[in-house]
Amino acid sequence: MRAACKLAARLLDFAGTLVKPSVTTNEIDRAVHHMIVEAGAYPSPLGYGGFPKSICTSVNECVCHGLPDSTQLQLQNGDIINIDVNVFLNGYHGGTSRTFVCGEADESIKHFLKGS
């Protein structure tokens, strides 16, 4: 379980480096999916109950378990995005999530994130 959780944390850190204006959530999903497979793991959400992606990305007012998308969602400066990474490795699931700010955030967003 420790290895699965460490991998999920490492992947989440990587996903956070991809959060930039004009990047799509689908691009983040593809990059993280590739790293999960390269690590010898499987993305836990993929296929679960028909879920079509390897991670969950929830942007702005989307509360949780948002679907990565390429057509509707290009990240904008000031957006907040929660990325949820869950992997299955060596018989164990490991998962973690974090909220990131895309670019620069105004004071109201910084205040909001301090409270969460």
N, C-alpha and C. Protein backbone atom coordinates (compact mmCIF):
# COMPACT_ATOMS: atom_id res chain seq x y z
N MET A 1 0.83 -1.18 0.00
CA MET A 1 0.00 0.00 0.00
C MET A 1 0.88 1.26 0.00
N ARG A 2 1.97 1.20 0.73
CA ARG A 2 2.87 2.34 0.81
C ARG A 2 3.40 2.71 -0.58
N ALA A 3 3.78 1.71 -1.38
CA ALA A 3 4.31 1.97 -2.72
C ALA A 3 3.23 2.60 -3.61
N ALA A 4 2.00 2.13 -3.50
CA ALA A 4 0.91 2.68 -4.31
C ALA A 4 0.65 4.14 -3.93
N CYS A 5 0.67 4.43 -2.64
CA CYS A 5 0.43 5.80 -2.19
C CYS A 5 1.58 6.73 -2.57
N LYS A 6 2.81 6.25 -2.47
CA LYS A 6 3.96 7.06 -2.88
C LYS A 6 3.91 7.36 -4.37
N LEU A 7 3.52 6.37 -5.16
CA LEU A 7 3.40 6.59 -6.61
C LEU A 7 2.32 7.62 -6.90
N ALA A 8 1.17 7.49 -6.25
CA ALA A 8 0.08 8.45 -6.46
C ALA A 8 0.55 9.87 -6.10
N ALA A 9 1.27 10.02 -5.01
CA ALA A 9 1.76 11.34 -4.60
C ALA A 9 2.74 11.90 -5.62
N ARG A 10 3.63 11.06 -6.11
CA ARG A 10 4.60 11.50 -7.13
C ARG A 10 3.89 11.93 -8.41
N LEU A 11 2.88 11.18 -8.81
CA LEU A 11 2.12 11.51 -10.01
C LEU A 11 1.33 12.80 -9.84
N LEU A 12 0.80 13.01 -8.65
CA LEU A 12 0.07 14.25 -8.39
C LEU A 12 1.00 15.45 -8.47
N ASP A 13 2.19 15.32 -7.92
CA ASP A 13 3.18 16.41 -8.05
C ASP A 13 3.46 16.69 -9.52
N PHE A 14 3.64 15.65 -10.31
CA PHE A 14 3.88 15.82 -11.75
C PHE A 14 2.70 16.51 -12.41
N ALA A 15 1.50 16.05 -12.10
CA ALA A 15 0.30 16.65 -12.71
C ALA A 15 0.24 18.14 -12.41
N GLY A 16 0.62 18.53 -11.21
CA GLY A 16 0.61 19.94 -10.84
C GLY A 16 1.54 20.78 -11.69
N THR A 17 2.63 20.20 -12.17
CA THR A 17 3.55 20.96 -13.03
C THR A 17 2.94 21.24 -14.40
N LEU A 18 1.91 20.52 -14.75
CA LEU A 18 1.25 20.69 -16.05
C LEU A 18 0.16 21.74 -16.04
N VAL A 19 -0.21 22.21 -14.86
CA VAL A 19 -1.30 23.19 -14.73
C VAL A 19 -0.80 24.56 -15.16
N LYS A 20 -1.16 24.92 -16.39
CA LYS A 20 -0.74 26.19 -16.98
C LYS A 20 -1.85 26.69 -17.89
N PRO A 21 -1.92 28.01 -18.08
CA PRO A 21 -2.93 28.53 -19.01
C PRO A 21 -2.79 27.90 -20.40
N SER A 22 -3.92 27.59 -20.99
CA SER A 22 -4.11 27.00 -22.33
C SER A 22 -3.93 25.48 -22.37
N VAL A 23 -3.50 24.86 -21.27
CA VAL A 23 -3.42 23.40 -21.22
C VAL A 23 -4.83 22.86 -20.98
N THR A 24 -5.17 21.75 -21.61
CA THR A 24 -6.48 21.14 -21.37
C THR A 24 -6.36 20.07 -20.29
N THR A 25 -7.47 19.81 -19.63
CA THR A 25 -7.48 18.76 -18.63
C THR A 25 -7.25 17.39 -19.28
N ASN A 26 -7.62 17.25 -20.53
CA ASN A 26 -7.39 16.01 -21.26
C ASN A 26 -5.88 15.78 -21.45
N GLU A 27 -5.14 16.85 -21.71
CA GLU A 27 -3.68 16.73 -21.86
C GLU A 27 -3.04 16.27 -20.55
N ILE A 28 -3.53 16.80 -19.43
CA ILE A 28 -3.02 16.38 -18.13
C ILE A 28 -3.33 14.91 -17.91
N ASP A 29 -4.55 14.49 -18.23
CA ASP A 29 -4.96 13.09 -18.08
C ASP A 29 -4.05 12.17 -18.90
N ARG A 30 -3.80 12.51 -20.15
CA ARG A 30 -2.96 11.67 -21.01
C ARG A 30 -1.54 11.53 -20.46
N ALA A 31 -0.97 12.64 -20.01
CA ALA A 31 0.40 12.60 -19.49
C ALA A 31 0.49 11.76 -18.22
N VAL A 32 -0.47 11.93 -17.32
CA VAL A 32 -0.46 11.16 -16.08
C VAL A 32 -0.74 9.69 -16.37
N HIS A 33 -1.66 9.40 -17.27
CA HIS A 33 -1.94 8.01 -17.66
C HIS A 33 -0.65 7.33 -18.12
N HIS A 34 0.09 8.01 -18.98
CA HIS A 34 1.34 7.45 -19.50
C HIS A 34 2.31 7.13 -18.36
N MET A 35 2.43 8.04 -17.41
CA MET A 35 3.35 7.81 -16.28
C MET A 35 2.88 6.67 -15.38
N ILE A 36 1.56 6.54 -15.21
CA ILE A 36 1.02 5.45 -14.39
C ILE A 36 1.41 4.11 -15.01
N VAL A 37 1.17 3.98 -16.30
CA VAL A 37 1.46 2.73 -17.01
C VAL A 37 2.97 2.45 -17.01
N GLU A 38 3.77 3.49 -17.23
CA GLU A 38 5.23 3.33 -17.22
C GLU A 38 5.72 2.83 -15.86
N ALA A 39 5.02 3.18 -14.80
CA ALA A 39 5.40 2.76 -13.44
C ALA A 39 4.91 1.35 -13.11
N GLY A 40 4.23 0.72 -14.06
CA GLY A 40 3.74 -0.64 -13.84
C GLY A 40 2.44 -0.70 -13.05
N ALA A 41 1.72 0.40 -13.02
CA ALA A 41 0.47 0.47 -12.27
C ALA A 41 -0.70 0.64 -13.25
N TYR A 42 -1.91 0.68 -12.69
CA TYR A 42 -3.13 0.89 -13.47
C TYR A 42 -3.89 2.05 -12.84
N PRO A 43 -4.44 2.95 -13.66
CA PRO A 43 -5.24 4.05 -13.09
C PRO A 43 -6.56 3.53 -12.53
N SER A 44 -6.73 3.59 -11.23
CA SER A 44 -7.91 3.02 -10.56
C SER A 44 -9.25 3.49 -11.14
N PRO A 45 -9.42 4.78 -11.48
CA PRO A 45 -10.75 5.19 -11.95
C PRO A 45 -11.10 4.71 -13.36
N LEU A 46 -10.09 4.41 -14.17
CA LEU A 46 -10.33 4.08 -15.58
C LEU A 46 -11.20 2.83 -15.71
N GLY A 47 -12.37 3.01 -16.27
CA GLY A 47 -13.29 1.90 -16.48
C GLY A 47 -14.19 1.60 -15.29
N TYR A 48 -13.92 2.18 -14.12
CA TYR A 48 -14.75 1.93 -12.95
C TYR A 48 -16.12 2.57 -13.15
N GLY A 49 -17.15 1.76 -13.19
CA GLY A 49 -18.50 2.26 -13.42
C GLY A 49 -18.63 3.00 -14.74
N GLY A 50 -17.78 2.65 -15.68
CA GLY A 50 -17.80 3.30 -16.99
C GLY A 50 -17.00 4.60 -17.06
N PHE A 51 -16.26 4.95 -15.99
CA PHE A 51 -15.48 6.19 -16.00
C PHE A 51 -14.43 6.11 -17.11
N PRO A 52 -14.40 7.12 -18.00
CA PRO A 52 -13.57 7.00 -19.20
C PRO A 52 -12.15 7.55 -19.09
N LYS A 53 -11.74 8.06 -17.94
CA LYS A 53 -10.43 8.71 -17.85
C LYS A 53 -9.60 8.12 -16.71
N SER A 54 -8.32 8.49 -16.68
CA SER A 54 -7.39 7.94 -15.70
C SER A 54 -7.29 8.77 -14.42
N ILE A 55 -7.67 10.04 -14.49
CA ILE A 55 -7.67 10.91 -13.31
C ILE A 55 -8.98 11.69 -13.30
N CYS A 56 -9.24 12.37 -12.20
CA CYS A 56 -10.37 13.28 -12.12
C CYS A 56 -9.82 14.70 -12.07
N THR A 57 -10.44 15.58 -12.83
CA THR A 57 -10.04 16.99 -12.81
C THR A 57 -11.29 17.83 -12.61
N SER A 58 -11.30 18.58 -11.54
CA SER A 58 -12.47 19.39 -11.19
C SER A 58 -12.04 20.85 -11.21
N VAL A 59 -12.56 21.60 -12.17
CA VAL A 59 -12.14 22.98 -12.38
C VAL A 59 -13.21 23.94 -11.86
N ASN A 60 -12.73 24.93 -11.11
CA ASN A 60 -13.56 26.01 -10.58
C ASN A 60 -14.77 25.49 -9.82
N GLU A 61 -15.99 25.69 -10.35
CA GLU A 61 -17.19 25.34 -9.58
C GLU A 61 -17.54 23.85 -9.62
N CYS A 62 -16.83 23.05 -10.40
CA CYS A 62 -17.04 21.60 -10.39
C CYS A 62 -16.50 21.07 -9.07
N VAL A 63 -17.35 20.47 -8.26
CA VAL A 63 -16.96 20.10 -6.90
C VAL A 63 -16.04 18.90 -6.85
N CYS A 64 -16.38 17.82 -7.55
CA CYS A 64 -15.51 16.65 -7.51
C CYS A 64 -15.78 15.72 -8.68
N HIS A 65 -14.80 14.91 -8.96
CA HIS A 65 -14.85 13.86 -9.98
C HIS A 65 -15.20 14.37 -11.37
N GLY A 66 -14.64 15.51 -11.73
CA GLY A 66 -14.83 16.03 -13.07
C GLY A 66 -14.08 15.19 -14.08
N LEU A 67 -14.60 15.19 -15.31
CA LEU A 67 -13.98 14.43 -16.39
C LEU A 67 -13.00 15.31 -17.16
N PRO A 68 -11.77 14.84 -17.36
CA PRO A 68 -10.86 15.59 -18.22
C PRO A 68 -11.46 15.74 -19.62
N ASP A 69 -11.22 16.89 -20.22
CA ASP A 69 -11.87 17.23 -21.49
C ASP A 69 -10.90 18.02 -22.35
N SER A 70 -11.02 17.88 -23.65
CA SER A 70 -10.12 18.63 -24.53
C SER A 70 -10.83 19.75 -25.27
N THR A 71 -12.13 19.65 -25.44
CA THR A 71 -12.82 20.64 -26.27
C THR A 71 -13.34 21.82 -25.48
N GLN A 72 -13.86 21.57 -24.30
CA GLN A 72 -14.51 22.64 -23.55
C GLN A 72 -13.59 23.32 -22.56
N LEU A 73 -12.54 22.65 -22.13
CA LEU A 73 -11.83 23.15 -20.98
C LEU A 73 -10.35 23.38 -21.22
N GLN A 74 -10.02 24.57 -21.63
CA GLN A 74 -8.64 25.01 -21.64
C GLN A 74 -8.47 25.83 -20.38
N LEU A 75 -7.48 25.49 -19.59
CA LEU A 75 -7.29 26.21 -18.34
C LEU A 75 -6.95 27.67 -18.62
N GLN A 76 -7.47 28.53 -17.77
CA GLN A 76 -7.26 29.97 -17.89
C GLN A 76 -6.50 30.48 -16.66
N ASN A 77 -5.83 31.58 -16.82
CA ASN A 77 -5.15 32.21 -15.70
C ASN A 77 -6.16 32.48 -14.58
N GLY A 78 -5.84 32.05 -13.36
CA GLY A 78 -6.71 32.26 -12.22
C GLY A 78 -7.66 31.12 -11.92
N ASP A 79 -7.78 30.14 -12.83
CA ASP A 79 -8.62 28.97 -12.55
C ASP A 79 -8.03 28.19 -11.38
N ILE A 80 -8.90 27.50 -10.66
CA ILE A 80 -8.44 26.51 -9.70
C ILE A 80 -8.85 25.15 -10.22
N ILE A 81 -8.00 24.18 -9.99
CA ILE A 81 -8.26 22.83 -10.47
C ILE A 81 -7.85 21.83 -9.40
N ASN A 82 -8.78 20.95 -9.06
CA ASN A 82 -8.46 19.85 -8.16
C ASN A 82 -8.16 18.64 -9.04
N ILE A 83 -7.02 18.04 -8.79
CA ILE A 83 -6.64 16.83 -9.52
C ILE A 83 -6.62 15.69 -8.53
N ASP A 84 -7.29 14.61 -8.91
CA ASP A 84 -7.45 13.42 -8.09
C ASP A 84 -6.75 12.27 -8.81
N VAL A 85 -5.70 11.72 -8.20
CA VAL A 85 -4.93 10.63 -8.80
C VAL A 85 -5.08 9.39 -7.92
N ASN A 86 -5.50 8.29 -8.54
CA ASN A 86 -5.65 7.01 -7.84
C ASN A 86 -5.05 5.92 -8.70
N VAL A 87 -4.18 5.11 -8.09
CA VAL A 87 -3.51 4.05 -8.85
C VAL A 87 -3.70 2.70 -8.16
N PHE A 88 -3.58 1.66 -8.96
CA PHE A 88 -3.60 0.29 -8.45
C PHE A 88 -2.23 -0.30 -8.74
N LEU A 89 -1.49 -0.61 -7.70
CA LEU A 89 -0.13 -1.12 -7.83
C LEU A 89 0.10 -2.27 -6.86
N ASN A 90 0.57 -3.38 -7.37
CA ASN A 90 0.91 -4.54 -6.53
C ASN A 90 -0.24 -4.97 -5.62
N GLY A 91 -1.47 -4.90 -6.14
CA GLY A 91 -2.62 -5.35 -5.37
C GLY A 91 -3.23 -4.33 -4.43
N TYR A 92 -2.72 -3.10 -4.45
CA TYR A 92 -3.22 -2.06 -3.55
C TYR A 92 -3.57 -0.79 -4.33
N HIS A 93 -4.58 -0.10 -3.81
CA HIS A 93 -4.94 1.21 -4.36
C HIS A 93 -4.29 2.29 -3.51
N GLY A 94 -3.79 3.31 -4.17
CA GLY A 94 -3.27 4.49 -3.48
C GLY A 94 -3.85 5.71 -4.16
N GLY A 95 -4.27 6.70 -3.38
CA GLY A 95 -4.89 7.87 -3.98
C GLY A 95 -4.62 9.14 -3.21
N THR A 96 -4.68 10.23 -3.94
CA THR A 96 -4.49 11.53 -3.34
C THR A 96 -5.04 12.60 -4.27
N SER A 97 -5.31 13.78 -3.72
CA SER A 97 -5.76 14.89 -4.56
C SER A 97 -5.26 16.20 -3.96
N ARG A 98 -5.23 17.21 -4.81
CA ARG A 98 -4.78 18.53 -4.36
C ARG A 98 -5.39 19.56 -5.31
N THR A 99 -5.60 20.75 -4.79
CA THR A 99 -6.09 21.85 -5.60
C THR A 99 -4.92 22.75 -5.98
N PHE A 100 -4.83 23.05 -7.27
CA PHE A 100 -3.77 23.88 -7.82
C PHE A 100 -4.38 25.15 -8.39
N VAL A 101 -3.57 26.20 -8.45
CA VAL A 101 -3.97 27.44 -9.10
C VAL A 101 -3.27 27.51 -10.44
N CYS A 102 -4.02 27.85 -11.47
CA CYS A 102 -3.46 28.01 -12.80
C CYS A 102 -2.98 29.46 -12.96
N GLY A 103 -1.68 29.63 -13.12
CA GLY A 103 -1.14 30.98 -13.28
C GLY A 103 -1.24 31.77 -11.99
N GLU A 104 -1.63 33.01 -12.11
CA GLU A 104 -1.77 33.90 -10.96
C GLU A 104 -3.21 33.94 -10.49
N ALA A 105 -3.38 33.96 -9.17
CA ALA A 105 -4.72 34.00 -8.60
C ALA A 105 -4.94 35.33 -7.89
N ASP A 106 -6.17 35.80 -7.91
CA ASP A 106 -6.46 37.03 -7.16
C ASP A 106 -6.61 36.69 -5.67
N GLU A 107 -6.68 37.71 -4.86
CA GLU A 107 -6.70 37.53 -3.41
C GLU A 107 -7.89 36.70 -2.93
N SER A 108 -9.04 36.82 -3.57
CA SER A 108 -10.22 36.05 -3.13
C SER A 108 -9.99 34.56 -3.30
N ILE A 109 -9.31 34.17 -4.36
CA ILE A 109 -9.02 32.75 -4.59
C ILE A 109 -7.98 32.26 -3.59
N LYS A 110 -6.96 33.06 -3.35
CA LYS A 110 -5.95 32.67 -2.35
C LYS A 110 -6.59 32.50 -0.98
N HIS A 111 -7.50 33.41 -0.63
CA HIS A 111 -8.21 33.32 0.66
C HIS A 111 -9.05 32.05 0.71
N PHE A 112 -9.76 31.76 -0.37
CA PHE A 112 -10.58 30.55 -0.45
C PHE A 112 -9.73 29.30 -0.24
N LEU A 113 -8.59 29.23 -0.92
CA LEU A 113 -7.76 28.04 -0.83
C LEU A 113 -7.12 27.87 0.55
N LYS A 114 -6.87 28.95 1.25
CA LYS A 114 -6.34 28.83 2.60
C LYS A 114 -7.34 28.16 3.53
N GLY A 115 -8.63 28.34 3.25
CA GLY A 115 -9.68 27.78 4.09
C GLY A 115 -10.01 26.34 3.78
N SER A 116 -9.53 25.85 2.63
CA SER A 116 -9.89 24.46 2.27
C SER A 116 -8.85 23.47 2.70
